[in-house]
Amino acid sequence: MPILEDGQIVLVKRRDNGLWSLPGGMVDWGENIQQSIKRELHEETGLSLTTMGRFVGVYSDPDRDPRLHSICLAFEIKVEGKLQVNDINEISEVQSFSLDEAMNMPLSHDHTQQLQDYLQGELVIR
């Protein structure tokens, strides 16, 4: 959950399904989680990580991603910088939204559930 200083959340528009989603991706071989978060954040949004926030949850439903069975670890992170798509093959657009706006948008994968869990403030394992 990349959160800007003004409290807005950053979402990316995916090229594969045209839906908005939370930025993220796969951990590359040899990376730890924080390195992966920094890399994926910059590739998809142009932003930099300033502070790791709380751990939101683990998402492992086999149907959460139509491409493969993946496990997602969701974190709140504080970010800064200029919004810019660097990975034009995967992402068509990046924007910030209020949390209320984001909750009322059709989001990719299980990202609406992740936002709901974030707003509830409890650690979840799904």
Protein backbone atom coordinates (compact mmCIF):
# COMPACT_ATOMS: atom_id res chain seq x y z
CA MET A 1 0.00 0.00 0.00
CA PRO A 2 2.11 2.94 -1.18
CA ILE A 3 0.94 6.03 0.71
CA LEU A 4 2.01 9.55 -0.25
CA GLU A 5 2.69 12.25 2.35
CA ASP A 6 -0.80 13.71 1.73
CA GLY A 7 -2.42 10.35 2.62
CA GLN A 8 -3.34 9.37 -0.92
CA ILE A 9 -2.70 5.83 -2.12
CA VAL A 10 -0.84 5.12 -5.36
CA LEU A 11 -2.38 2.71 -7.87
CA VAL A 12 -1.19 1.50 -11.26
CA LYS A 13 -3.26 0.59 -14.32
CA ARG A 14 -2.31 -2.86 -15.59
CA ARG A 15 -1.86 -3.48 -19.30
CA ASP A 16 -2.92 -7.15 -19.11
CA ASN A 17 -6.47 -6.53 -17.84
CA GLY A 18 -6.90 -2.73 -17.89
CA LEU A 19 -7.73 -2.60 -14.17
CA TRP A 20 -6.19 -0.50 -11.43
CA SER A 21 -4.13 -2.34 -8.83
CA LEU A 22 -1.63 -1.93 -6.07
CA PRO A 23 1.93 -1.90 -7.42
CA GLY A 24 3.90 -5.06 -6.82
CA GLY A 25 5.49 -8.05 -8.37
CA MET A 26 7.76 -11.01 -7.93
CA VAL A 27 10.83 -11.22 -5.74
CA ASP A 28 13.89 -11.64 -7.94
CA TRP A 29 16.46 -14.31 -7.12
CA GLY A 30 18.90 -12.93 -4.55
CA GLU A 31 16.59 -10.13 -3.34
CA ASN A 32 15.08 -9.78 0.09
CA ILE A 33 11.52 -8.47 0.50
CA GLN A 34 12.52 -4.84 1.12
CA GLN A 35 14.79 -4.80 -1.96
CA SER A 36 11.96 -6.24 -4.04
CA ILE A 37 9.50 -3.64 -2.76
CA LYS A 38 11.90 -0.81 -3.60
CA ARG A 39 12.60 -2.17 -7.10
CA GLU A 40 8.97 -2.92 -8.01
CA LEU A 41 7.81 0.41 -6.61
CA HIS A 42 10.31 2.33 -8.74
CA GLU A 43 9.67 0.24 -11.88
CA GLU A 44 5.91 0.65 -11.71
CA THR A 45 5.45 4.12 -10.17
CA GLY A 46 8.76 6.02 -10.33
CA LEU A 47 8.48 6.57 -6.56
CA SER A 48 10.97 5.91 -3.78
CA LEU A 49 10.34 4.13 -0.51
CA THR A 50 10.84 6.41 2.49
CA THR A 51 9.51 4.27 5.35
CA MET A 52 8.31 0.72 5.79
CA GLY A 53 4.96 0.79 7.54
CA ARG A 54 2.99 -2.06 9.01
CA PHE A 55 2.63 -5.55 7.63
CA VAL A 56 -0.97 -5.84 6.36
CA GLY A 57 -1.20 -9.51 5.52
CA VAL A 58 -0.53 -12.64 3.53
CA TYR A 59 -2.74 -13.49 0.54
CA SER A 60 -2.45 -17.03 -0.80
CA ASP A 61 -5.80 -17.97 -2.37
CA PRO A 62 -4.96 -20.06 -5.47
CA ASP A 63 -7.48 -18.01 -7.47
CA ARG A 64 -6.14 -14.56 -6.52
CA ASP A 65 -4.05 -14.28 -9.70
CA PRO A 66 -5.34 -15.82 -12.95
CA ARG A 67 -1.78 -16.22 -14.31
CA LEU A 68 -0.31 -18.43 -11.58
CA HIS A 69 -0.60 -19.45 -7.94
CA SER A 70 1.23 -16.70 -6.10
CA ILE A 71 1.56 -15.61 -2.51
CA CYS A 72 1.32 -11.89 -1.86
CA LEU A 73 2.76 -10.13 1.18
CA ALA A 74 1.11 -6.72 1.61
CA PHE A 75 2.83 -3.87 3.43
CA GLU A 76 1.97 -0.26 4.09
CA ILE A 77 4.82 1.88 2.79
CA LYS A 78 5.41 5.61 2.79
CA VAL A 79 6.61 6.90 -0.57
CA GLU A 80 7.77 10.07 -2.27
CA GLY A 81 8.76 11.34 -5.68
CA LYS A 82 7.22 12.03 -9.06
CA LEU A 83 4.63 9.59 -10.42
CA GLN A 84 6.08 7.99 -13.55
CA VAL A 85 5.59 4.66 -15.29
CA ASN A 86 8.99 3.06 -15.87
CA ASP A 87 7.77 -0.43 -16.86
CA ILE A 88 5.71 0.39 -19.94
CA ASN A 89 5.25 -3.30 -20.79
CA GLU A 90 3.21 -4.01 -17.64
CA ILE A 91 1.82 -0.61 -16.59
CA SER A 92 -0.05 1.98 -18.67
CA GLU A 93 -0.71 4.61 -16.01
CA VAL A 94 0.04 5.56 -12.41
CA GLN A 95 -2.12 7.85 -10.26
CA SER A 96 -2.84 8.67 -6.66
CA PHE A 97 -6.33 8.44 -5.16
CA SER A 98 -7.98 9.01 -1.82
CA LEU A 99 -8.60 5.78 0.05
CA ASP A 100 -12.36 6.32 -0.39
CA GLU A 101 -11.94 6.65 -4.16
CA ALA A 102 -9.76 3.53 -4.33
CA MET A 103 -12.29 1.50 -2.32
CA ASN A 104 -15.00 2.33 -4.85
CA MET A 105 -13.01 1.35 -7.94
CA PRO A 106 -12.96 -2.08 -9.58
CA LEU A 107 -9.46 -3.32 -8.69
CA SER A 108 -7.46 -6.21 -10.09
CA HIS A 109 -6.81 -9.48 -8.28
CA ASP A 110 -7.74 -9.35 -4.58
CA HIS A 111 -6.63 -5.77 -4.10
CA THR A 112 -10.02 -4.54 -2.86
CA GLN A 113 -9.75 -7.12 -0.06
CA GLN A 114 -6.22 -5.98 0.70
CA LEU A 115 -7.39 -2.36 0.98
CA GLN A 116 -10.28 -3.39 3.26
CA ASP A 117 -7.86 -5.29 5.47
CA TYR A 118 -5.49 -2.31 5.52
CA LEU A 119 -8.30 0.00 6.65
CA GLN A 120 -9.38 -2.45 9.38
CA GLY A 121 -5.85 -2.32 10.77
CA GLU A 122 -5.45 -5.98 11.70
CA LEU A 123 -2.89 -8.47 10.39
CA VAL A 124 -4.61 -11.05 8.18
CA ILE A 125 -3.61 -14.35 6.65
CA ARG A 126 -5.86 -15.39 3.78
